[in-house]
Every structure is written in structure tokens, then in C-alpha cells.
Amino acid sequence: MVRALRHWLETHELPAIIVAVLGVVVALSVLMVVGGYFAVTP
């Protein structure tokens, strides 16, 4: 499993990094929006 993941990252370095960064940014923004909504609603 780890070897296969390492091999995939070596062959797809830049797209994998871009997808990971975009995924983290989208997840954090959704979390902030949902958390803010629940913080504001009584």
C-alpha cells in the first residue's frame, strides 16, 4: 500500500500536490461556513 502510494506520487507529483492543496482549502472553507452557520443560529 505505502509502496504503491509512493510510486503514484513519484509519477504524478505536481497534480497530486495541487489536488491535495485544493482539497484542504475547500474542506477548510466548508468547515468554516458550516461552523459559522451553527455558531450564528440559536
PDB file of N, CA and C in Angstrom:
ATOM      1  N   MET A   1       0.843  -1.204   0.000  1.00  0.00           N
ATOM      2  CA  MET A   1       0.000   0.000   0.000  1.00  0.00           C
ATOM      3  C   MET A   1       0.881   1.258   0.000  1.00  0.00           C
ATOM      4  N   VAL A   2       1.822   1.333   0.930  1.00  0.00           N
ATOM      5  CA  VAL A   2       2.693   2.507   1.010  1.00  0.00           C
ATOM      6  C   VAL A   2       3.569   2.601  -0.230  1.00  0.00           C
ATOM      7  N   ARG A   3       4.057   1.466  -0.699  1.00  0.00           N
ATOM      8  CA  ARG A   3       4.914   1.463  -1.887  1.00  0.00           C
ATOM      9  C   ARG A   3       4.126   1.913  -3.113  1.00  0.00           C
ATOM     10  N   ALA A   4       2.875   1.442  -3.237  1.00  0.00           N
ATOM     11  CA  ALA A   4       2.045   1.848  -4.374  1.00  0.00           C
ATOM     12  C   ALA A   4       1.744   3.340  -4.312  1.00  0.00           C
ATOM     13  N   LEU A   5       1.460   3.860  -3.124  1.00  0.00           N
ATOM     14  CA  LEU A   5       1.184   5.290  -2.973  1.00  0.00           C
ATOM     15  C   LEU A   5       2.427   6.111  -3.299  1.00  0.00           C
ATOM     16  N   ARG A   6       3.587   5.651  -2.844  1.00  0.00           N
ATOM     17  CA  ARG A   6       4.833   6.356  -3.130  1.00  0.00           C
ATOM     18  C   ARG A   6       5.122   6.355  -4.626  1.00  0.00           C
ATOM     19  N   HIS A   7       4.882   5.223  -5.285  1.00  0.00           N
ATOM     20  CA  HIS A   7       5.099   5.147  -6.732  1.00  0.00           C
ATOM     21  C   HIS A   7       4.146   6.078  -7.473  1.00  0.00           C
ATOM     22  N   TRP A   8       2.873   6.129  -7.037  1.00  0.00           N
ATOM     23  CA  TRP A   8       1.904   7.012  -7.690  1.00  0.00           C
ATOM     24  C   TRP A   8       2.300   8.472  -7.507  1.00  0.00           C
ATOM     25  N   LEU A   9       2.767   8.825  -6.321  1.00  0.00           N
ATOM     26  CA  LEU A   9       3.188  10.204  -6.081  1.00  0.00           C
ATOM     27  C   LEU A   9       4.417  10.558  -6.909  1.00  0.00           C
ATOM     28  N   GLU A  10       5.327   9.608  -7.093  1.00  0.00           N
ATOM     29  CA  GLU A  10       6.508   9.884  -7.908  1.00  0.00           C
ATOM     30  C   GLU A  10       6.142  10.107  -9.362  1.00  0.00           C
ATOM     31  N   THR A  11       5.118   9.419  -9.851  1.00  0.00           N
ATOM     32  CA  THR A  11       4.726   9.575 -11.255  1.00  0.00           C
ATOM     33  C   THR A  11       3.779  10.754 -11.451  1.00  0.00           C
ATOM     34  N   HIS A  12       3.046  11.176 -10.428  1.00  0.00           N
ATOM     35  CA  HIS A  12       2.064  12.267 -10.542  1.00  0.00           C
ATOM     36  C   HIS A  12       2.325  13.344  -9.498  1.00  0.00           C
ATOM     37  N   GLU A  13       3.558  13.784  -9.354  1.00  0.00           N
ATOM     38  CA  GLU A  13       3.891  14.679  -8.239  1.00  0.00           C
ATOM     39  C   GLU A  13       3.080  15.960  -8.237  1.00  0.00           C
ATOM     40  N   LEU A  14       3.194  16.764  -9.292  1.00  0.00           N
ATOM     41  CA  LEU A  14       2.574  18.087  -9.280  1.00  0.00           C
ATOM     42  C   LEU A  14       1.047  18.032  -9.228  1.00  0.00           C
ATOM     43  N   PRO A  15       0.378  17.229 -10.068  1.00  0.00           N
ATOM     44  CA  PRO A  15      -1.091  17.177  -9.965  1.00  0.00           C
ATOM     45  C   PRO A  15      -1.568  16.693  -8.599  1.00  0.00           C
ATOM     46  N   ALA A  16      -0.859  15.758  -7.999  1.00  0.00           N
ATOM     47  CA  ALA A  16      -1.277  15.259  -6.685  1.00  0.00           C
ATOM     48  C   ALA A  16      -1.159  16.349  -5.634  1.00  0.00           C
ATOM     49  N   ILE A  17      -0.083  17.137  -5.701  1.00  0.00           N
ATOM     50  CA  ILE A  17       0.095  18.219  -4.730  1.00  0.00           C
ATOM     51  C   ILE A  17      -0.987  19.276  -4.924  1.00  0.00           C
ATOM     52  N   ILE A  18      -1.288  19.615  -6.187  1.00  0.00           N
ATOM     53  CA  ILE A  18      -2.321  20.617  -6.464  1.00  0.00           C
ATOM     54  C   ILE A  18      -3.675  20.135  -5.963  1.00  0.00           C
ATOM     55  N   VAL A  19      -4.009  18.880  -6.242  1.00  0.00           N
ATOM     56  CA  VAL A  19      -5.299  18.334  -5.796  1.00  0.00           C
ATOM     57  C   VAL A  19      -5.376  18.303  -4.274  1.00  0.00           C
ATOM     58  N   ALA A  20      -4.275  17.945  -3.608  1.00  0.00           N
ATOM     59  CA  ALA A  20      -4.281  17.897  -2.147  1.00  0.00           C
ATOM     60  C   ALA A  20      -4.474  19.287  -1.553  1.00  0.00           C
ATOM     61  N   VAL A  21      -3.773  20.282  -2.111  1.00  0.00           N
ATOM     62  CA  VAL A  21      -3.909  21.652  -1.588  1.00  0.00           C
ATOM     63  C   VAL A  21      -5.316  22.174  -1.815  1.00  0.00           C
ATOM     64  N   LEU A  22      -5.861  21.950  -3.011  1.00  0.00           N
ATOM     65  CA  LEU A  22      -7.231  22.400  -3.285  1.00  0.00           C
ATOM     66  C   LEU A  22      -8.227  21.685  -2.377  1.00  0.00           C
ATOM     67  N   GLY A  23      -8.017  20.400  -2.131  1.00  0.00           N
ATOM     68  CA  GLY A  23      -8.917  19.663  -1.237  1.00  0.00           C
ATOM     69  C   GLY A  23      -8.892  20.209   0.180  1.00  0.00           C
ATOM     70  N   VAL A  24      -7.702  20.531   0.674  1.00  0.00           N
ATOM     71  CA  VAL A  24      -7.600  21.087   2.029  1.00  0.00           C
ATOM     72  C   VAL A  24      -8.269  22.452   2.096  1.00  0.00           C
ATOM     73  N   VAL A  25      -8.050  23.300   1.076  1.00  0.00           N
ATOM     74  CA  VAL A  25      -8.658  24.638   1.071  1.00  0.00           C
ATOM     75  C   VAL A  25     -10.181  24.533   1.030  1.00  0.00           C
ATOM     76  N   VAL A  26     -10.711  23.663   0.190  1.00  0.00           N
ATOM     77  CA  VAL A  26     -12.167  23.509   0.098  1.00  0.00           C
ATOM     78  C   VAL A  26     -12.727  22.957   1.399  1.00  0.00           C
ATOM     79  N   ALA A  27     -12.049  21.977   1.994  1.00  0.00           N
ATOM     80  CA  ALA A  27     -12.534  21.403   3.249  1.00  0.00           C
ATOM     81  C   ALA A  27     -12.542  22.444   4.361  1.00  0.00           C
ATOM     82  N   LEU A  28     -11.488  23.255   4.459  1.00  0.00           N
ATOM     83  CA  LEU A  28     -11.447  24.283   5.500  1.00  0.00           C
ATOM     84  C   LEU A  28     -12.519  25.340   5.278  1.00  0.00           C
ATOM     85  N   SER A  29     -12.742  25.743   4.035  1.00  0.00           N
ATOM     86  CA  SER A  29     -13.757  26.761   3.784  1.00  0.00           C
ATOM     87  C   SER A  29     -15.150  26.232   4.097  1.00  0.00           C
ATOM     88  N   VAL A  30     -15.433  25.000   3.718  1.00  0.00           N
ATOM     89  CA  VAL A  30     -16.736  24.413   4.043  1.00  0.00           C
ATOM     90  C   VAL A  30     -16.895  24.293   5.547  1.00  0.00           C
ATOM     91  N   LEU A  31     -15.834  23.881   6.228  1.00  0.00           N
ATOM     92  CA  LEU A  31     -15.904  23.761   7.688  1.00  0.00           C
ATOM     93  C   LEU A  31     -16.157  25.104   8.350  1.00  0.00           C
ATOM     94  N   MET A  32     -15.509  26.156   7.850  1.00  0.00           N
ATOM     95  CA  MET A  32     -15.730  27.488   8.408  1.00  0.00           C
ATOM     96  C   MET A  32     -17.149  27.976   8.154  1.00  0.00           C
ATOM     97  N   VAL A  33     -17.673  27.742   6.964  1.00  0.00           N
ATOM     98  CA  VAL A  33     -19.037  28.184   6.647  1.00  0.00           C
ATOM     99  C   VAL A  33     -20.052  27.447   7.502  1.00  0.00           C
ATOM    100  N   VAL A  34     -19.909  26.118   7.599  1.00  0.00           N
ATOM    101  CA  VAL A  34     -20.860  25.337   8.397  1.00  0.00           C
ATOM    102  C   VAL A  34     -20.722  25.687   9.879  1.00  0.00           C
ATOM    103  N   GLY A  35     -19.494  25.830  10.351  1.00  0.00           N
ATOM    104  CA  GLY A  35     -19.293  26.205  11.750  1.00  0.00           C
ATOM    105  C   GLY A  35     -19.841  27.578  12.062  1.00  0.00           C
ATOM    106  N   GLY A  36     -19.644  28.542  11.152  1.00  0.00           N
ATOM    107  CA  GLY A  36     -20.206  29.866  11.346  1.00  0.00           C
ATOM    108  C   GLY A  36     -21.728  29.851  11.339  1.00  0.00           C
ATOM    109  N   TYR A  37     -22.308  29.031  10.480  1.00  0.00           N
ATOM    110  CA  TYR A  37     -23.771  28.926  10.441  1.00  0.00           C
ATOM    111  C   TYR A  37     -24.296  28.386  11.756  1.00  0.00           C
ATOM    112  N   PHE A  38     -23.672  27.324  12.274  1.00  0.00           N
ATOM    113  CA  PHE A  38     -24.138  26.764  13.538  1.00  0.00           C
ATOM    114  C   PHE A  38     -23.830  27.691  14.715  1.00  0.00           C
ATOM    115  N   ALA A  39     -22.800  28.520  14.612  1.00  0.00           N
ATOM    116  CA  ALA A  39     -22.492  29.457  15.687  1.00  0.00           C
ATOM    117  C   ALA A  39     -23.493  30.594  15.720  1.00  0.00           C
ATOM    118  N   VAL A  40     -24.031  30.982  14.550  1.00  0.00           N
ATOM    119  CA  VAL A  40     -24.949  32.121  14.482  1.00  0.00           C
ATOM    120  C   VAL A  40     -26.375  31.698  14.809  1.00  0.00           C
ATOM    121  N   THR A  41     -26.772  30.513  14.335  1.00  0.00           N
ATOM    122  CA  THR A  41     -28.161  30.092  14.570  1.00  0.00           C
ATOM    123  C   THR A  41     -28.325  29.659  16.023  1.00  0.00           C
ATOM    124  N   PRO A  42     -29.424  30.080  16.637  1.00  0.00           N
ATOM    125  CA  PRO A  42     -29.629  29.742  18.062  1.00  0.00           C
ATOM    126  C   PRO A  42     -30.007  28.282  18.286  1.00  0.00           C
TER     127      PRO A  42
END
